[in-house]
N, C-alpha and C. Protein backbone atom coordinates (compact mmCIF):
# COMPACT_ATOMS: atom_id res chain seq x y z
N MET A 1 -4.62 12.61 15.00
CA MET A 1 -6.26 12.72 14.70
C MET A 1 -6.65 13.73 15.55
N ASN A 2 -7.46 14.82 15.10
CA ASN A 2 -7.93 15.91 15.98
C ASN A 2 -9.13 15.38 16.67
N ASN A 3 -9.58 16.18 17.78
CA ASN A 3 -10.89 15.83 18.34
C ASN A 3 -12.03 15.76 17.62
N TYR A 4 -12.14 16.81 16.68
CA TYR A 4 -13.16 16.86 15.94
C TYR A 4 -13.43 15.50 14.94
N LEU A 5 -12.57 15.11 14.61
CA LEU A 5 -12.54 13.82 13.63
C LEU A 5 -13.09 12.73 14.72
N TRP A 6 -12.51 12.47 15.88
CA TRP A 6 -12.62 11.84 16.93
C TRP A 6 -14.26 11.60 17.32
N ARG A 7 -14.63 12.76 17.52
CA ARG A 7 -16.22 12.90 17.67
C ARG A 7 -17.06 12.55 16.36
N ILE A 8 -16.57 12.57 15.46
CA ILE A 8 -17.46 12.11 14.11
C ILE A 8 -17.03 10.76 14.17
N LEU A 9 -16.08 10.15 14.28
CA LEU A 9 -16.18 8.86 14.39
C LEU A 9 -16.84 7.99 15.60
N TYR A 10 -16.97 8.76 16.63
CA TYR A 10 -17.52 8.24 18.00
C TYR A 10 -19.05 8.23 17.54
N ARG A 11 -19.33 9.35 16.91
CA ARG A 11 -20.95 9.24 16.96
C ARG A 11 -21.49 8.37 15.78
N TYR A 12 -20.67 8.16 14.75
CA TYR A 12 -20.78 7.26 13.75
C TYR A 12 -20.96 5.63 14.18
N TYR A 13 -20.13 5.45 15.34
CA TYR A 13 -20.18 4.09 16.04
C TYR A 13 -21.33 4.25 16.83
N GLU A 14 -21.59 5.15 17.49
CA GLU A 14 -22.75 5.35 18.58
C GLU A 14 -24.03 4.93 17.82
N ILE A 15 -24.17 5.36 16.92
CA ILE A 15 -25.63 5.40 16.08
C ILE A 15 -25.93 4.30 15.17
N SER A 16 -24.72 3.45 15.16
CA SER A 16 -24.78 2.11 14.47
C SER A 16 -25.52 1.10 15.09
N LYS A 17 -25.91 0.29 14.46
CA LYS A 17 -27.16 -0.99 15.19
C LYS A 17 -26.33 -2.29 14.84
N VAL A 18 -24.95 -2.39 15.34
CA VAL A 18 -24.37 -3.68 14.98
C VAL A 18 -23.72 -3.83 16.20
N ILE A 19 -23.15 -5.24 16.44
CA ILE A 19 -22.32 -5.96 17.26
C ILE A 19 -20.98 -5.99 17.03
N ILE A 20 -20.11 -5.28 17.81
CA ILE A 20 -18.60 -5.91 17.43
C ILE A 20 -18.17 -6.41 18.64
N LYS A 21 -17.78 -7.95 18.17
CA LYS A 21 -17.62 -9.15 19.06
C LYS A 21 -16.20 -8.89 19.55
N VAL A 22 -15.06 -8.10 18.94
CA VAL A 22 -13.78 -7.92 18.85
C VAL A 22 -13.58 -6.66 18.63
N GLU A 23 -12.69 -5.95 19.53
CA GLU A 23 -12.46 -4.47 18.93
C GLU A 23 -12.32 -4.37 17.66
N GLY A 24 -12.64 -3.41 17.08
CA GLY A 24 -12.23 -3.10 15.45
C GLY A 24 -13.05 -2.38 14.63
N VAL A 25 -12.83 -2.29 13.61
CA VAL A 25 -14.03 -1.41 12.86
C VAL A 25 -15.28 -2.16 12.21
N LYS A 26 -16.19 -1.09 12.25
CA LYS A 26 -17.55 -1.67 11.69
C LYS A 26 -17.70 -2.74 10.56
N GLU A 27 -18.08 -3.98 10.70
CA GLU A 27 -17.98 -4.83 9.25
C GLU A 27 -19.04 -4.32 8.35
N GLY A 28 -18.72 -4.10 7.21
CA GLY A 28 -19.33 -3.40 6.11
C GLY A 28 -19.62 -1.75 6.28
N GLY A 29 -19.11 -1.15 7.20
CA GLY A 29 -19.44 0.31 7.19
C GLY A 29 -18.40 0.77 6.15
N ILE A 30 -18.95 2.14 5.84
CA ILE A 30 -18.63 2.75 4.69
C ILE A 30 -16.53 3.13 4.96
N LEU A 31 -16.66 3.85 6.33
CA LEU A 31 -15.44 4.04 6.54
C LEU A 31 -14.33 2.91 7.13
N SER A 32 -14.97 1.70 7.35
CA SER A 32 -13.97 0.66 7.77
C SER A 32 -12.87 0.27 6.86
N PRO A 33 -12.89 0.42 5.64
CA PRO A 33 -11.77 0.21 4.98
C PRO A 33 -10.23 1.28 5.22
N TYR A 34 -11.30 2.43 5.21
CA TYR A 34 -10.20 3.60 5.26
C TYR A 34 -9.38 3.56 6.67
N LEU A 35 -10.49 3.37 7.86
CA LEU A 35 -10.04 3.24 9.06
C LEU A 35 -8.82 2.27 9.47
N PHE A 36 -9.32 0.93 8.58
CA PHE A 36 -8.55 -0.01 8.73
C PHE A 36 -6.94 0.08 7.81
N TYR A 37 -7.13 0.48 6.74
CA TYR A 37 -5.79 0.83 6.37
C TYR A 37 -4.76 1.91 6.70
N PHE A 38 -5.62 3.09 7.32
CA PHE A 38 -4.82 3.94 8.17
C PHE A 38 -3.99 3.37 9.05
N PHE A 39 -4.59 2.34 9.85
CA PHE A 39 -3.84 1.76 11.02
C PHE A 39 -2.94 0.83 10.63
N ILE A 40 -3.35 -0.03 9.46
CA ILE A 40 -2.43 -1.44 9.06
C ILE A 40 -1.10 -0.81 8.22
N ASP A 41 -1.57 0.64 7.35
CA ASP A 41 -0.45 0.87 6.70
C ASP A 41 0.97 1.24 7.72
N GLN A 42 0.52 1.86 8.65
CA GLN A 42 1.80 2.23 9.78
C GLN A 42 2.27 0.99 10.32
N THR A 43 1.24 0.06 10.56
CA THR A 43 1.73 -1.31 11.15
C THR A 43 2.84 -2.09 10.31
N LEU A 44 2.39 -2.16 8.80
CA LEU A 44 3.21 -2.75 7.94
C LEU A 44 4.60 -1.99 8.05
N SER A 45 4.50 -0.49 7.81
CA SER A 45 5.84 0.00 7.76
C SER A 45 6.73 -0.09 8.78
N VAL A 46 6.17 -0.21 10.40
CA VAL A 46 7.12 -0.70 11.48
C VAL A 46 7.64 -1.95 11.44
N CYS A 47 6.84 -3.05 10.74
CA CYS A 47 7.51 -4.21 10.50
C CYS A 47 8.47 -4.44 9.52
N THR A 48 8.20 -3.58 8.20
CA THR A 48 9.15 -3.37 7.26
C THR A 48 10.59 -3.15 7.63
N ASP A 49 10.58 -2.35 8.80
CA ASP A 49 11.88 -1.60 9.28
C ASP A 49 12.73 -2.53 10.07
N LEU A 50 12.22 -3.57 10.13
CA LEU A 50 12.77 -4.23 11.04
C LEU A 50 13.77 -5.26 10.29
N LYS A 51 13.53 -5.35 8.81
CA LYS A 51 14.24 -6.08 7.98
C LYS A 51 14.68 -7.49 8.44
N VAL A 52 13.50 -8.21 8.78
CA VAL A 52 13.62 -9.58 9.14
C VAL A 52 12.52 -10.41 8.45
N GLY A 53 12.84 -11.78 8.26
CA GLY A 53 11.96 -12.36 7.49
C GLY A 53 12.05 -12.89 6.18
N ALA A 54 11.15 -13.38 5.28
CA ALA A 54 11.42 -13.99 4.16
C ALA A 54 11.64 -12.97 3.04
N LYS A 55 12.64 -13.10 2.26
CA LYS A 55 13.09 -12.39 1.22
C LYS A 55 13.44 -13.15 -0.16
N ILE A 56 13.09 -12.49 -1.16
CA ILE A 56 13.66 -13.17 -2.46
C ILE A 56 14.27 -12.15 -2.92
N GLY A 57 15.57 -12.03 -2.95
CA GLY A 57 16.57 -11.18 -3.64
C GLY A 57 16.20 -9.91 -2.75
N GLU A 58 16.01 -8.70 -3.19
CA GLU A 58 15.75 -7.44 -2.13
C GLU A 58 14.19 -7.38 -1.97
N ILE A 59 13.40 -8.37 -2.41
CA ILE A 59 11.88 -8.16 -2.27
C ILE A 59 11.55 -8.71 -0.80
N ASN A 60 10.99 -7.85 -0.02
CA ASN A 60 10.41 -8.33 1.19
C ASN A 60 9.22 -9.09 0.98
N LEU A 61 9.23 -10.48 1.58
CA LEU A 61 7.96 -11.07 1.49
C LEU A 61 7.29 -11.44 2.86
N PHE A 62 7.91 -10.90 3.89
CA PHE A 62 7.48 -11.47 5.12
C PHE A 62 6.14 -11.30 5.69
N ILE A 63 5.54 -10.02 5.32
CA ILE A 63 4.30 -9.50 5.45
C ILE A 63 3.45 -9.28 4.42
N LEU A 64 2.50 -9.86 4.28
CA LEU A 64 1.43 -9.92 3.00
C LEU A 64 0.32 -9.61 3.79
N ALA A 65 -0.23 -8.50 3.54
CA ALA A 65 -1.93 -8.07 3.72
C ALA A 65 -2.75 -7.88 2.52
N ASN A 66 -4.04 -8.26 2.92
CA ASN A 66 -5.00 -8.08 2.21
C ASN A 66 -6.45 -7.85 2.84
N CYS A 67 -7.05 -6.80 2.71
CA CYS A 67 -8.28 -6.85 3.65
C CYS A 67 -7.96 -6.88 4.92
N ASP A 68 -8.60 -7.75 5.82
CA ASP A 68 -8.28 -7.70 7.16
C ASP A 68 -7.56 -8.84 7.54
N ASP A 69 -6.54 -9.37 6.26
CA ASP A 69 -5.89 -10.72 6.89
C ASP A 69 -4.34 -10.16 6.39
N ILE A 70 -3.65 -10.73 7.38
CA ILE A 70 -2.09 -10.74 7.65
C ILE A 70 -1.70 -12.02 7.40
N VAL A 71 -0.54 -12.12 6.59
CA VAL A 71 0.33 -13.40 6.72
C VAL A 71 1.66 -13.18 7.13
N LEU A 72 2.18 -13.82 7.88
CA LEU A 72 3.57 -13.37 8.50
C LEU A 72 4.58 -14.80 7.83
N LEU A 73 5.50 -14.60 7.11
CA LEU A 73 6.46 -15.61 6.76
C LEU A 73 7.78 -15.20 7.20
N SER A 74 8.55 -16.32 7.59
CA SER A 74 10.04 -16.28 7.95
C SER A 74 10.57 -17.52 7.49
N PRO A 75 11.95 -17.21 7.62
CA PRO A 75 13.03 -18.38 7.16
C PRO A 75 13.54 -19.34 8.57
N SER A 76 13.07 -18.31 9.76
CA SER A 76 13.47 -18.73 10.82
C SER A 76 12.58 -18.82 12.24
N GLU A 77 12.60 -19.58 13.15
CA GLU A 77 11.70 -19.56 14.02
C GLU A 77 12.15 -18.33 14.98
N LYS A 78 13.19 -17.69 14.91
CA LYS A 78 13.60 -16.75 15.68
C LYS A 78 12.71 -15.34 15.13
N TYR A 79 12.63 -15.17 13.80
CA TYR A 79 12.47 -14.11 13.20
C TYR A 79 10.46 -14.13 13.17
N ILE A 80 9.83 -15.43 13.08
CA ILE A 80 8.68 -15.37 13.10
C ILE A 80 7.92 -15.08 14.49
N LYS A 81 8.94 -15.28 15.41
CA LYS A 81 8.25 -14.94 16.84
C LYS A 81 8.49 -13.36 17.05
N ILE A 82 9.52 -12.76 16.39
CA ILE A 82 9.47 -11.43 16.57
C ILE A 82 8.40 -10.30 15.96
N LEU A 83 7.72 -10.93 14.78
CA LEU A 83 7.07 -9.98 13.88
C LEU A 83 5.89 -9.75 14.47
N PRO A 84 5.14 -11.11 15.12
CA PRO A 84 3.60 -10.99 15.70
C PRO A 84 3.76 -9.92 17.15
N ARG A 85 4.87 -10.33 17.72
CA ARG A 85 5.08 -9.42 19.00
C ARG A 85 5.31 -8.02 18.55
N THR A 86 5.87 -7.65 17.58
CA THR A 86 6.16 -5.96 16.80
C THR A 86 4.62 -5.78 16.43
N CYS A 87 3.75 -6.43 15.97
CA CYS A 87 2.69 -5.87 15.37
C CYS A 87 1.57 -5.47 16.92
N GLU A 88 1.78 -6.56 17.56
CA GLU A 88 0.88 -6.32 18.90
C GLU A 88 1.53 -5.21 19.80
N GLU A 89 2.82 -5.05 19.68
CA GLU A 89 3.37 -3.93 20.51
C GLU A 89 3.02 -2.47 19.89
N TYR A 90 2.98 -2.43 18.50
CA TYR A 90 2.60 -1.30 17.78
C TYR A 90 1.06 -1.15 18.25
N ALA A 91 0.24 -2.04 18.04
CA ALA A 91 -1.23 -1.82 18.39
C ALA A 91 -1.22 -1.16 19.59
N LYS A 92 -0.71 -1.56 20.73
CA LYS A 92 -0.73 -1.41 22.10
C LYS A 92 -0.46 0.09 22.15
N ASP A 93 0.87 0.58 21.50
CA ASP A 93 1.12 1.95 21.74
C ASP A 93 0.45 2.67 20.99
N TRP A 94 -0.22 2.51 19.78
CA TRP A 94 -0.91 3.36 19.00
C TRP A 94 -2.19 3.48 19.75
N ASN A 95 -2.79 2.70 20.41
CA ASN A 95 -4.26 2.75 21.09
C ASN A 95 -3.78 3.77 22.25
N ARG A 96 -2.72 3.51 22.73
CA ARG A 96 -2.41 4.74 23.96
C ARG A 96 -2.03 6.12 23.41
N ILE A 97 -1.46 6.19 22.34
CA ILE A 97 -1.22 7.56 21.56
C ILE A 97 -2.40 8.28 21.35
N GLU A 98 -3.35 7.38 20.58
CA GLU A 98 -4.56 7.67 20.05
C GLU A 98 -5.89 8.34 20.93
N SER A 99 -5.67 7.25 22.25
CA SER A 99 -6.63 7.57 23.42
C SER A 99 -6.10 8.71 24.30
N SER A 100 -4.92 9.30 24.05
CA SER A 100 -4.62 10.56 24.96
C SER A 100 -5.01 11.59 24.39
């Protein structure tokens, strides 16, 4: 994302009159769904590439996402521990890249 776009987003949040208790997008904001899906789409791809978790035939069912909810499914304890850790690591890496 270029600096110009970051400045627009910064200003959008700066002039908002809301409280965000946890880092994230503005609840009910016009840009919020787009910003969330920009981030979550990449997160889902990283998790899908692991090829772990629940499957029915060739259909991957281990990560289901709708709005701001994510459900992780796994047939084993081993894989269910990998998926949330992968999501967390991706979020931390993404934050470092986008902040620099």
